[in-house]
PDB file of N, CA and C in Angstrom:
ATOM      1  N   MET A   1      20.910  22.382  65.067  1.00  0.00           N
ATOM      2  CA  MET A   1      20.772  22.265  63.651  1.00  0.00           C
ATOM      3  C   MET A   1      21.710  23.099  62.831  1.00  0.00           C
ATOM      4  N   LYS A   2      22.233  24.267  63.344  1.00  0.00           N
ATOM      5  CA  LYS A   2      23.057  24.825  62.689  1.00  0.00           C
ATOM      6  C   LYS A   2      24.314  24.011  62.447  1.00  0.00           C
ATOM      7  N   ALA A   3      24.590  23.261  63.623  1.00  0.00           N
ATOM      8  CA  ALA A   3      25.991  22.543  63.266  1.00  0.00           C
ATOM      9  C   ALA A   3      25.752  21.331  62.245  1.00  0.00           C
ATOM     10  N   THR A   4      25.021  20.867  62.202  1.00  0.00           N
ATOM     11  CA  THR A   4      25.070  19.991  60.897  1.00  0.00           C
ATOM     12  C   THR A   4      24.871  20.985  59.607  1.00  0.00           C
ATOM     13  N   PHE A   5      24.404  21.962  59.484  1.00  0.00           N
ATOM     14  CA  PHE A   5      24.426  22.800  58.456  1.00  0.00           C
ATOM     15  C   PHE A   5      26.038  23.101  58.182  1.00  0.00           C
ATOM     16  N   ASP A   6      26.520  23.361  59.222  1.00  0.00           N
ATOM     17  CA  ASP A   6      28.133  23.975  59.019  1.00  0.00           C
ATOM     18  C   ASP A   6      29.022  22.622  58.610  1.00  0.00           C
ATOM     19  N   ILE A   7      28.401  21.309  59.029  1.00  0.00           N
ATOM     20  CA  ILE A   7      29.421  20.168  58.432  1.00  0.00           C
ATOM     21  C   ILE A   7      28.934  19.874  56.981  1.00  0.00           C
ATOM     22  N   VAL A   8      27.784  19.945  56.654  1.00  0.00           N
ATOM     23  CA  VAL A   8      27.562  19.999  55.271  1.00  0.00           C
ATOM     24  C   VAL A   8      28.361  20.882  54.507  1.00  0.00           C
ATOM     25  N   SER A   9      28.076  22.155  54.967  1.00  0.00           N
ATOM     26  CA  SER A   9      29.000  23.290  54.310  1.00  0.00           C
ATOM     27  C   SER A   9      30.518  23.012  54.059  1.00  0.00           C
ATOM     28  N   ASN A  10      31.065  22.413  54.930  1.00  0.00           N
ATOM     29  CA  ASN A  10      32.548  22.203  55.077  1.00  0.00           C
ATOM     30  C   ASN A  10      32.763  20.913  53.963  1.00  0.00           C
ATOM     31  N   LEU A  11      31.610  20.014  54.045  1.00  0.00           N
ATOM     32  CA  LEU A  11      32.005  18.917  52.973  1.00  0.00           C
ATOM     33  C   LEU A  11      31.773  19.433  51.703  1.00  0.00           C
ATOM     34  N   CYS A  12      30.825  20.400  51.522  1.00  0.00           N
ATOM     35  CA  CYS A  12      30.904  21.136  50.165  1.00  0.00           C
ATOM     36  C   CYS A  12      32.224  21.782  49.764  1.00  0.00           C
ATOM     37  N   SER A  13      32.603  22.500  50.471  1.00  0.00           N
ATOM     38  CA  SER A  13      33.976  23.218  50.319  1.00  0.00           C
ATOM     39  C   SER A  13      35.152  21.928  49.853  1.00  0.00           C
ATOM     40  N   GLN A  14      35.210  20.907  50.726  1.00  0.00           N
ATOM     41  CA  GLN A  14      36.175  19.999  50.460  1.00  0.00           C
ATOM     42  C   GLN A  14      35.732  19.145  49.026  1.00  0.00           C
ATOM     43  N   LYS A  15      34.528  19.105  48.852  1.00  0.00           N
ATOM     44  CA  LYS A  15      34.142  18.321  47.336  1.00  0.00           C
ATOM     45  C   LYS A  15      34.865  19.568  46.247  1.00  0.00           C
ATOM     46  N   VAL A  16      34.439  20.422  46.526  1.00  0.00           N
ATOM     47  CA  VAL A  16      34.880  21.519  45.478  1.00  0.00           C
ATOM     48  C   VAL A  16      36.439  21.850  45.272  1.00  0.00           C
ATOM     49  N   THR A  17      36.961  21.776  46.350  1.00  0.00           N
ATOM     50  CA  THR A  17      38.110  21.384  46.129  1.00  0.00           C
ATOM     51  C   THR A  17      39.011  20.427  45.605  1.00  0.00           C
ATOM     52  N   ASN A  18      38.445  19.045  45.722  1.00  0.00           N
ATOM     53  CA  ASN A  18      38.631  17.900  45.194  1.00  0.00           C
ATOM     54  C   ASN A  18      38.330  17.779  43.809  1.00  0.00           C
ATOM     55  N   ALA A  19      37.353  18.291  43.486  1.00  0.00           N
ATOM     56  CA  ALA A  19      36.913  18.344  42.050  1.00  0.00           C
ATOM     57  C   ALA A  19      37.499  19.242  40.992  1.00  0.00           C
ATOM     58  N   TYR A  20      37.728  20.281  41.618  1.00  0.00           N
ATOM     59  CA  TYR A  20      38.395  21.261  40.610  1.00  0.00           C
ATOM     60  C   TYR A  20      39.941  21.124  40.539  1.00  0.00           C
ATOM     61  N   SER A  21      40.596  20.675  41.646  1.00  0.00           N
ATOM     62  CA  SER A  21      42.361  20.669  41.530  1.00  0.00           C
ATOM     63  C   SER A  21      42.603  19.556  42.266  1.00  0.00           C
ATOM     64  N   THR A  22      43.135  18.427  41.627  1.00  0.00           N
ATOM     65  CA  THR A  22      43.747  17.244  42.218  1.00  0.00           C
ATOM     66  C   THR A  22      45.021  17.432  42.782  1.00  0.00           C
ATOM     67  N   SER A  23      45.942  18.353  42.273  1.00  0.00           N
ATOM     68  CA  SER A  23      47.253  18.816  42.826  1.00  0.00           C
ATOM     69  C   SER A  23      47.072  19.596  44.012  1.00  0.00           C
ATOM     70  N   PHE A  24      46.053  20.644  44.109  1.00  0.00           N
ATOM     71  CA  PHE A  24      45.853  21.330  45.298  1.00  0.00           C
ATOM     72  C   PHE A  24      45.245  20.225  46.258  1.00  0.00           C
ATOM     73  N   SER A  25      44.303  19.515  45.826  1.00  0.00           N
ATOM     74  CA  SER A  25      43.629  18.831  47.108  1.00  0.00           C
ATOM     75  C   SER A  25      44.689  17.780  47.930  1.00  0.00           C
ATOM     76  N   LEU A  26      45.592  17.221  47.151  1.00  0.00           N
ATOM     77  CA  LEU A  26      46.685  16.426  47.344  1.00  0.00           C
ATOM     78  C   LEU A  26      47.578  17.186  48.155  1.00  0.00           C
ATOM     79  N   ALA A  27      47.787  18.361  47.793  1.00  0.00           N
ATOM     80  CA  ALA A  27      49.028  19.179  48.587  1.00  0.00           C
ATOM     81  C   ALA A  27      48.334  19.424  50.022  1.00  0.00           C
ATOM     82  N   THR A  28      46.831  19.892  49.956  1.00  0.00           N
ATOM     83  CA  THR A  28      46.382  20.062  51.240  1.00  0.00           C
ATOM     84  C   THR A  28      46.405  19.158  52.101  1.00  0.00           C
ATOM     85  N   LYS A  29      46.385  18.036  51.869  1.00  0.00           N
ATOM     86  CA  LYS A  29      46.715  16.725  52.665  1.00  0.00           C
ATOM     87  C   LYS A  29      47.884  16.558  53.691  1.00  0.00           C
ATOM     88  N   MET A  30      48.679  17.351  52.995  1.00  0.00           N
ATOM     89  CA  MET A  30      50.260  17.549  53.585  1.00  0.00           C
ATOM     90  C   MET A  30      50.113  18.597  54.999  1.00  0.00           C
ATOM     91  N   LEU A  31      48.861  19.394  54.852  1.00  0.00           N
ATOM     92  CA  LEU A  31      48.891  20.588  55.909  1.00  0.00           C
ATOM     93  C   LEU A  31      48.254  19.721  57.257  1.00  0.00           C
ATOM     94  N   ALA A  32      48.528  20.466  58.471  1.00  0.00           N
ATOM     95  CA  ALA A  32      48.068  20.150  59.548  1.00  0.00           C
ATOM     96  C   ALA A  32      46.608  19.932  59.548  1.00  0.00           C
ATOM     97  N   PRO A  33      46.011  18.978  59.938  1.00  0.00           N
ATOM     98  CA  PRO A  33      44.545  18.594  60.016  1.00  0.00           C
ATOM     99  C   PRO A  33      43.771  19.589  60.581  1.00  0.00           C
ATOM    100  N   SER A  34      44.186  20.421  61.801  1.00  0.00           N
ATOM    101  CA  SER A  34      43.788  21.490  62.275  1.00  0.00           C
ATOM    102  C   SER A  34      43.506  22.826  61.422  1.00  0.00           C
ATOM    103  N   ILE A  35      43.871  22.916  59.949  1.00  0.00           N
ATOM    104  CA  ILE A  35      43.814  23.816  59.478  1.00  0.00           C
ATOM    105  C   ILE A  35      43.393  23.448  58.052  1.00  0.00           C
ATOM    106  N   ARG A  36      43.319  22.320  57.721  1.00  0.00           N
ATOM    107  CA  ARG A  36      43.007  21.667  56.446  1.00  0.00           C
ATOM    108  C   ARG A  36      41.576  22.194  55.909  1.00  0.00           C
ATOM    109  N   GLN A  37      40.527  22.209  57.157  1.00  0.00           N
ATOM    110  CA  GLN A  37      38.952  22.437  56.590  1.00  0.00           C
ATOM    111  C   GLN A  37      38.984  23.999  56.221  1.00  0.00           C
ATOM    112  N   ASP A  38      39.630  24.645  56.881  1.00  0.00           N
ATOM    113  CA  ASP A  38      39.629  26.178  56.781  1.00  0.00           C
ATOM    114  C   ASP A  38      40.404  26.575  54.988  1.00  0.00           C
ATOM    115  N   ILE A  39      41.311  25.680  54.881  1.00  0.00           N
ATOM    116  CA  ILE A  39      41.767  25.622  53.420  1.00  0.00           C
ATOM    117  C   ILE A  39      40.913  25.558  52.128  1.00  0.00           C
ATOM    118  N   TYR A  40      40.314  24.193  52.760  1.00  0.00           N
ATOM    119  CA  TYR A  40      38.970  23.755  51.945  1.00  0.00           C
ATOM    120  C   TYR A  40      38.298  25.018  51.808  1.00  0.00           C
ATOM    121  N   ASN A  41      37.706  25.655  52.839  1.00  0.00           N
ATOM    122  CA  ASN A  41      36.687  26.747  52.784  1.00  0.00           C
ATOM    123  C   ASN A  41      36.991  27.924  51.905  1.00  0.00           C
ATOM    124  N   ILE A  42      38.480  28.419  52.291  1.00  0.00           N
ATOM    125  CA  ILE A  42      39.082  29.490  51.472  1.00  0.00           C
ATOM    126  C   ILE A  42      38.971  29.117  49.844  1.00  0.00           C
ATOM    127  N   TYR A  43      39.426  27.975  49.581  1.00  0.00           N
ATOM    128  CA  TYR A  43      39.483  27.395  48.261  1.00  0.00           C
ATOM    129  C   TYR A  43      38.252  27.415  47.463  1.00  0.00           C
ATOM    130  N   GLY A  44      37.206  26.606  48.325  1.00  0.00           N
ATOM    131  CA  GLY A  44      35.813  26.701  47.627  1.00  0.00           C
ATOM    132  C   GLY A  44      35.438  27.986  47.253  1.00  0.00           C
ATOM    133  N   PHE A  45      35.524  29.094  48.012  1.00  0.00           N
ATOM    134  CA  PHE A  45      35.323  30.369  47.968  1.00  0.00           C
ATOM    135  C   PHE A  45      35.730  31.074  46.731  1.00  0.00           C
ATOM    136  N   VAL A  46      37.182  30.925  46.640  1.00  0.00           N
ATOM    137  CA  VAL A  46      37.889  31.572  45.650  1.00  0.00           C
ATOM    138  C   VAL A  46      37.704  30.835  44.072  1.00  0.00           C
ATOM    139  N   ARG A  47      37.541  29.510  44.345  1.00  0.00           N
ATOM    140  CA  ARG A  47      37.083  28.796  43.194  1.00  0.00           C
ATOM    141  C   ARG A  47      35.786  29.386  42.378  1.00  0.00           C
ATOM    142  N   PHE A  48      34.830  29.497  43.460  1.00  0.00           N
ATOM    143  CA  PHE A  48      33.520  29.871  42.739  1.00  0.00           C
ATOM    144  C   PHE A  48      33.649  31.157  42.429  1.00  0.00           C
ATOM    145  N   ALA A  49      34.444  32.064  42.751  1.00  0.00           N
ATOM    146  CA  ALA A  49      34.368  33.446  42.408  1.00  0.00           C
ATOM    147  C   ALA A  49      34.776  33.317  40.998  1.00  0.00           C
ATOM    148  N   ASP A  50      35.993  32.708  40.963  1.00  0.00           N
ATOM    149  CA  ASP A  50      36.835  32.605  39.665  1.00  0.00           C
ATOM    150  C   ASP A  50      36.174  31.847  38.624  1.00  0.00           C
ATOM    151  N   GLU A  51      35.362  30.886  38.855  1.00  0.00           N
ATOM    152  CA  GLU A  51      34.365  30.179  37.933  1.00  0.00           C
ATOM    153  C   GLU A  51      33.510  31.289  37.178  1.00  0.00           C
ATOM    154  N   ILE A  52      32.717  32.058  38.151  1.00  0.00           N
ATOM    155  CA  ILE A  52      32.073  33.279  37.614  1.00  0.00           C
ATOM    156  C   ILE A  52      32.688  33.859  36.441  1.00  0.00           C
ATOM    157  N   VAL A  53      33.867  34.034  36.504  1.00  0.00           N
ATOM    158  CA  VAL A  53      34.761  35.113  35.886  1.00  0.00           C
ATOM    159  C   VAL A  53      35.054  34.424  34.856  1.00  0.00           C
ATOM    160  N   ASP A  54      35.709  33.229  34.586  1.00  0.00           N
ATOM    161  CA  ASP A  54      36.543  32.492  33.733  1.00  0.00           C
ATOM    162  C   ASP A  54      35.534  31.324  32.868  1.00  0.00           C
ATOM    163  N   SER A  55      34.378  30.906  33.553  1.00  0.00           N
ATOM    164  CA  SER A  55      33.523  29.974  32.833  1.00  0.00           C
ATOM    165  C   SER A  55      32.140  30.314  32.254  1.00  0.00           C
ATOM    166  N   PHE A  56      31.471  31.177  32.796  1.00  0.00           N
ATOM    167  CA  PHE A  56      30.072  31.226  32.644  1.00  0.00           C
ATOM    168  C   PHE A  56      29.764  32.185  31.412  1.00  0.00           C
ATOM    169  N   HIS A  57      30.488  32.022  30.425  1.00  0.00           N
ATOM    170  CA  HIS A  57      30.521  32.820  29.172  1.00  0.00           C
ATOM    171  C   HIS A  57      28.896  32.841  28.414  1.00  0.00           C
ATOM    172  N   ASP A  58      28.057  31.958  28.514  1.00  0.00           N
ATOM    173  CA  ASP A  58      26.874  31.915  28.096  1.00  0.00           C
ATOM    174  C   ASP A  58      25.697  32.747  29.342  1.00  0.00           C
ATOM    175  N   TYR A  59      26.290  33.463  30.025  1.00  0.00           N
ATOM    176  CA  TYR A  59      25.468  34.118  31.089  1.00  0.00           C
ATOM    177  C   TYR A  59      25.998  35.537  31.334  1.00  0.00           C
ATOM    178  N   ASP A  60      25.000  36.071  31.876  1.00  0.00           N
ATOM    179  CA  ASP A  60      25.826  37.601  32.384  1.00  0.00           C
ATOM    180  C   ASP A  60      26.700  37.596  33.353  1.00  0.00           C
ATOM    181  N   LYS A  61      27.991  37.590  33.336  1.00  0.00           N
ATOM    182  CA  LYS A  61      28.936  37.256  34.120  1.00  0.00           C
ATOM    183  C   LYS A  61      29.022  38.416  35.290  1.00  0.00           C
ATOM    184  N   ALA A  62      28.880  39.517  34.612  1.00  0.00           N
ATOM    185  CA  ALA A  62      28.741  40.826  35.703  1.00  0.00           C
ATOM    186  C   ALA A  62      27.469  40.705  36.755  1.00  0.00           C
ATOM    187  N   VAL A  63      26.248  40.051  36.254  1.00  0.00           N
ATOM    188  CA  VAL A  63      25.101  40.286  37.133  1.00  0.00           C
ATOM    189  C   VAL A  63      25.609  38.845  38.387  1.00  0.00           C
ATOM    190  N   LEU A  64      26.015  37.994  37.613  1.00  0.00           N
ATOM    191  CA  LEU A  64      26.175  36.533  38.446  1.00  0.00           C
ATOM    192  C   LEU A  64      27.245  37.037  39.688  1.00  0.00           C
ATOM    193  N   PHE A  65      28.363  38.046  38.799  1.00  0.00           N
ATOM    194  CA  PHE A  65      29.388  38.238  40.128  1.00  0.00           C
ATOM    195  C   PHE A  65      28.817  39.276  41.276  1.00  0.00           C
ATOM    196  N   ALA A  66      27.865  40.125  40.620  1.00  0.00           N
ATOM    197  CA  ALA A  66      27.259  40.964  41.561  1.00  0.00           C
ATOM    198  C   ALA A  66      26.544  40.217  42.736  1.00  0.00           C
ATOM    199  N   ARG A  67      26.021  39.408  42.278  1.00  0.00           N
ATOM    200  CA  ARG A  67      24.919  38.722  43.305  1.00  0.00           C
ATOM    201  C   ARG A  67      25.739  37.595  44.262  1.00  0.00           C
ATOM    202  N   PHE A  68      26.778  37.129  43.496  1.00  0.00           N
ATOM    203  CA  PHE A  68      27.824  36.491  44.565  1.00  0.00           C
ATOM    204  C   PHE A  68      28.450  37.621  45.495  1.00  0.00           C
ATOM    205  N   GLU A  69      29.000  38.698  45.102  1.00  0.00           N
ATOM    206  CA  GLU A  69      29.363  39.667  45.968  1.00  0.00           C
ATOM    207  C   GLU A  69      28.528  40.062  46.831  1.00  0.00           C
ATOM    208  N   GLN A  70      27.031  40.151  46.521  1.00  0.00           N
ATOM    209  CA  GLN A  70      26.033  40.631  47.748  1.00  0.00           C
ATOM    210  C   GLN A  70      25.998  39.545  48.569  1.00  0.00           C
ATOM    211  N   SER A  71      25.968  38.440  48.179  1.00  0.00           N
ATOM    212  CA  SER A  71      25.863  37.396  48.999  1.00  0.00           C
ATOM    213  C   SER A  71      26.976  36.815  50.110  1.00  0.00           C
ATOM    214  N   LEU A  72      28.113  37.293  49.458  1.00  0.00           N
ATOM    215  CA  LEU A  72      29.367  37.278  50.421  1.00  0.00           C
ATOM    216  C   LEU A  72      28.874  38.429  51.495  1.00  0.00           C
ATOM    217  N   GLU A  73      28.636  39.468  51.046  1.00  0.00           N
ATOM    218  CA  GLU A  73      28.452  40.542  52.354  1.00  0.00           C
ATOM    219  C   GLU A  73      27.474  40.178  53.245  1.00  0.00           C
ATOM    220  N   ASP A  74      26.408  39.546  52.791  1.00  0.00           N
ATOM    221  CA  ASP A  74      25.260  38.952  53.624  1.00  0.00           C
ATOM    222  C   ASP A  74      26.032  38.057  54.460  1.00  0.00           C
ATOM    223  N   ALA A  75      26.956  36.941  54.053  1.00  0.00           N
ATOM    224  CA  ALA A  75      27.285  35.770  54.752  1.00  0.00           C
ATOM    225  C   ALA A  75      28.148  36.588  55.921  1.00  0.00           C
ATOM    226  N   LEU A  76      29.025  37.473  55.473  1.00  0.00           N
ATOM    227  CA  LEU A  76      29.915  37.858  56.307  1.00  0.00           C
ATOM    228  C   LEU A  76      29.259  38.670  57.472  1.00  0.00           C
ATOM    229  N   THR A  77      28.341  39.378  57.045  1.00  0.00           N
ATOM    230  CA  THR A  77      27.567  40.193  58.058  1.00  0.00           C
ATOM    231  C   THR A  77      26.571  39.215  59.091  1.00  0.00           C
ATOM    232  N   ASP A  78      25.833  38.398  58.400  1.00  0.00           N
ATOM    233  CA  ASP A  78      24.721  37.397  59.380  1.00  0.00           C
ATOM    234  C   ASP A  78      25.746  36.358  59.665  1.00  0.00           C
ATOM    235  N   LYS A  79      26.844  36.165  59.462  1.00  0.00           N
ATOM    236  CA  LYS A  79      27.555  34.708  60.029  1.00  0.00           C
ATOM    237  C   LYS A  79      26.782  33.440  59.373  1.00  0.00           C
ATOM    238  N   ILE A  80      26.058  33.659  58.542  1.00  0.00           N
ATOM    239  CA  ILE A  80      25.424  32.388  58.059  1.00  0.00           C
ATOM    240  C   ILE A  80      25.024  32.654  56.462  1.00  0.00           C
ATOM    241  N   HIS A  81      25.156  31.559  55.878  1.00  0.00           N
ATOM    242  CA  HIS A  81      24.190  31.854  54.418  1.00  0.00           C
ATOM    243  C   HIS A  81      24.013  30.337  53.712  1.00  0.00           C
ATOM    244  N   LEU A  82      22.575  30.466  53.148  1.00  0.00           N
ATOM    245  CA  LEU A  82      22.372  29.303  52.707  1.00  0.00           C
ATOM    246  C   LEU A  82      23.170  28.913  51.376  1.00  0.00           C
ATOM    247  N   ASN A  83      24.028  29.576  50.915  1.00  0.00           N
ATOM    248  CA  ASN A  83      25.151  28.776  50.212  1.00  0.00           C
ATOM    249  C   ASN A  83      26.079  28.150  50.782  1.00  0.00           C
ATOM    250  N   PRO A  84      26.235  26.997  50.470  1.00  0.00           N
ATOM    251  CA  PRO A  84      27.311  26.270  51.506  1.00  0.00           C
ATOM    252  C   PRO A  84      28.498  26.528  51.541  1.00  0.00           C
ATOM    253  N   ILE A  85      28.960  26.942  50.307  1.00  0.00           N
ATOM    254  CA  ILE A  85      30.340  27.565  50.286  1.00  0.00           C
ATOM    255  C   ILE A  85      30.494  28.820  50.977  1.00  0.00           C
ATOM    256  N   LEU A  86      29.568  29.670  50.746  1.00  0.00           N
ATOM    257  CA  LEU A  86      29.700  30.994  51.450  1.00  0.00           C
ATOM    258  C   LEU A  86      29.659  31.074  52.899  1.00  0.00           C
ATOM    259  N   ASN A  87      28.889  29.984  53.225  1.00  0.00           N
ATOM    260  CA  ASN A  87      28.584  29.526  54.728  1.00  0.00           C
ATOM    261  C   ASN A  87      29.938  29.243  55.503  1.00  0.00           C
ATOM    262  N   ALA A  88      30.667  28.177  54.873  1.00  0.00           N
ATOM    263  CA  ALA A  88      31.991  27.662  55.174  1.00  0.00           C
ATOM    264  C   ALA A  88      32.899  29.035  55.126  1.00  0.00           C
ATOM    265  N   PHE A  89      33.000  29.534  54.118  1.00  0.00           N
ATOM    266  CA  PHE A  89      33.926  30.772  54.105  1.00  0.00           C
ATOM    267  C   PHE A  89      33.863  31.716  55.183  1.00  0.00           C
ATOM    268  N   GLN A  90      32.575  32.395  55.518  1.00  0.00           N
ATOM    269  CA  GLN A  90      32.462  33.104  56.232  1.00  0.00           C
ATOM    270  C   GLN A  90      32.930  32.760  57.827  1.00  0.00           C
ATOM    271  N   HIS A  91      32.544  31.376  58.008  1.00  0.00           N
ATOM    272  CA  HIS A  91      33.258  30.740  59.350  1.00  0.00           C
ATOM    273  C   HIS A  91      34.785  30.744  59.403  1.00  0.00           C
ATOM    274  N   THR A  92      35.319  30.705  58.342  1.00  0.00           N
ATOM    275  CA  THR A  92      36.640  30.786  58.464  1.00  0.00           C
ATOM    276  C   THR A  92      37.351  32.330  58.367  1.00  0.00           C
ATOM    277  N   VAL A  93      36.448  32.991  57.720  1.00  0.00           N
ATOM    278  CA  VAL A  93      37.067  34.599  57.789  1.00  0.00           C
ATOM    279  C   VAL A  93      36.769  35.092  59.440  1.00  0.00           C
ATOM    280  N   HIS A  94      35.772  34.573  59.890  1.00  0.00           N
ATOM    281  CA  HIS A  94      35.588  35.104  61.377  1.00  0.00           C
ATOM    282  C   HIS A  94      36.578  34.173  62.421  1.00  0.00           C
ATOM    283  N   LYS A  95      36.950  33.055  62.104  1.00  0.00           N
ATOM    284  CA  LYS A  95      37.643  32.151  63.088  1.00  0.00           C
ATOM    285  C   LYS A  95      39.136  32.803  62.946  1.00  0.00           C
ATOM    286  N   TYR A  96      39.659  33.278  61.681  1.00  0.00           N
ATOM    287  CA  TYR A  96      41.055  33.779  61.623  1.00  0.00           C
ATOM    288  C   TYR A  96      40.915  35.388  61.729  1.00  0.00           C
ATOM    289  N   ASN A  97      39.942  36.007  61.885  1.00  0.00           N
ATOM    290  CA  ASN A  97      39.853  37.602  61.729  1.00  0.00           C
ATOM    291  C   ASN A  97      40.617  37.911  60.488  1.00  0.00           C
ATOM    292  N   ILE A  98      39.989  37.322  59.138  1.00  0.00           N
ATOM    293  CA  ILE A  98      40.665  37.566  58.104  1.00  0.00           C
ATOM    294  C   ILE A  98      40.090  39.202  57.799  1.00  0.00           C
ATOM    295  N   GLN A  99      41.074  40.018  57.320  1.00  0.00           N
ATOM    296  CA  GLN A  99      40.778  41.203  56.957  1.00  0.00           C
ATOM    297  C   GLN A  99      39.870  41.486  55.988  1.00  0.00           C
ATOM    298  N   LYS A 100      38.786  42.264  56.002  1.00  0.00           N
ATOM    299  CA  LYS A 100      37.811  42.468  54.910  1.00  0.00           C
ATOM    300  C   LYS A 100      38.637  43.336  53.790  1.00  0.00           C
ATOM    301  N   SER A 101      39.693  44.056  53.987  1.00  0.00           N
ATOM    302  CA  SER A 101      40.517  44.713  52.991  1.00  0.00           C
ATOM    303  C   SER A 101      40.913  43.497  51.987  1.00  0.00           C
ATOM    304  N   SER A 102      41.445  42.582  52.539  1.00  0.00           N
ATOM    305  CA  SER A 102      41.928  41.405  51.592  1.00  0.00           C
ATOM    306  C   SER A 102      40.823  40.763  51.046  1.00  0.00           C
ATOM    307  N   ILE A 103      39.853  40.396  51.592  1.00  0.00           N
ATOM    308  CA  ILE A 103      38.762  39.730  50.584  1.00  0.00           C
ATOM    309  C   ILE A 103      38.331  40.895  49.492  1.00  0.00           C
ATOM    310  N   ASP A 104      38.279  42.230  49.851  1.00  0.00           N
ATOM    311  CA  ASP A 104      37.813  43.195  48.895  1.00  0.00           C
ATOM    312  C   ASP A 104      38.716  43.276  47.822  1.00  0.00           C
ATOM    313  N   ALA A 105      40.229  43.177  48.116  1.00  0.00           N
ATOM    314  CA  ALA A 105      40.999  43.164  47.303  1.00  0.00           C
ATOM    315  C   ALA A 105      40.886  42.061  46.054  1.00  0.00           C
ATOM    316  N   PHE A 106      40.890  40.759  46.741  1.00  0.00           N
ATOM    317  CA  PHE A 106      40.486  39.595  45.813  1.00  0.00           C
ATOM    318  C   PHE A 106      39.306  39.900  44.852  1.00  0.00           C
ATOM    319  N   MET A 107      38.328  40.201  45.570  1.00  0.00           N
ATOM    320  CA  MET A 107      37.041  40.705  44.734  1.00  0.00           C
ATOM    321  C   MET A 107      37.189  41.595  43.739  1.00  0.00           C
ATOM    322  N   LYS A 108      37.995  42.529  44.052  1.00  0.00           N
ATOM    323  CA  LYS A 108      38.413  43.594  42.986  1.00  0.00           C
ATOM    324  C   LYS A 108      39.136  42.917  41.816  1.00  0.00           C
ATOM    325  N   SER A 109      40.133  42.399  42.327  1.00  0.00           N
ATOM    326  CA  SER A 109      40.883  41.461  41.119  1.00  0.00           C
ATOM    327  C   SER A 109      40.118  40.658  40.379  1.00  0.00           C
ATOM    328  N   MET A 110      39.004  39.826  40.754  1.00  0.00           N
ATOM    329  CA  MET A 110      38.133  39.269  39.972  1.00  0.00           C
ATOM    330  C   MET A 110      37.220  39.974  39.210  1.00  0.00           C
ATOM    331  N   ARG A 111      36.568  40.957  39.804  1.00  0.00           N
ATOM    332  CA  ARG A 111      35.915  42.138  38.907  1.00  0.00           C
ATOM    333  C   ARG A 111      36.468  42.628  37.611  1.00  0.00           C
ATOM    334  N   MET A 112      37.960  42.741  38.034  1.00  0.00           N
ATOM    335  CA  MET A 112      38.636  43.406  36.771  1.00  0.00           C
ATOM    336  C   MET A 112      38.658  42.399  35.725  1.00  0.00           C
ATOM    337  N   ASP A 113      38.634  41.216  36.208  1.00  0.00           N
ATOM    338  CA  ASP A 113      38.783  40.004  35.127  1.00  0.00           C
ATOM    339  C   ASP A 113      37.369  39.813  34.327  1.00  0.00           C
ATOM    340  N   LEU A 114      36.355  40.558  34.690  1.00  0.00           N
ATOM    341  CA  LEU A 114      35.128  40.350  33.985  1.00  0.00           C
ATOM    342  C   LEU A 114      35.375  40.917  32.394  1.00  0.00           C
ATOM    343  N   THR A 115      36.087  41.949  32.345  1.00  0.00           N
ATOM    344  CA  THR A 115      36.163  42.535  30.967  1.00  0.00           C
ATOM    345  C   THR A 115      37.670  42.372  30.368  1.00  0.00           C
TER     346      THR A 115
END
C-alpha cells in the first residue's frame, strides 16, 4: 500500500506545481518525462516552505516553519511522511542523493526571510 500513498504524494506535488505557477508547470512539460515528477516533488517542497514565509501573516510563521523543518527531518530520516509533499520530496532526495547541505542552505535562506 505504500506504493499507492507514493502515487498520491506525487499527484499532490504535481497539483501544487500546477496551482501555484502556470508558467513553471508549462515549462516542466518540456522536460523529459523521466525527471518531470521529481521536479514537481522539489517544487512542491520549495513552494510550501516559501508559502509559510511569505503568506501566513496571520499565524506564527516561526512556529509553523520550525514544525515544517522538523517534519522535513523526520521525512528524510524515516523515508516516509504523512505530509504527502514531504513524502514525495524525501523520495526525490534519496533517489538523486541530494546533499543534505543543499537542503539545509535552502532552509536557512527561508528562515532568514521570516524576519
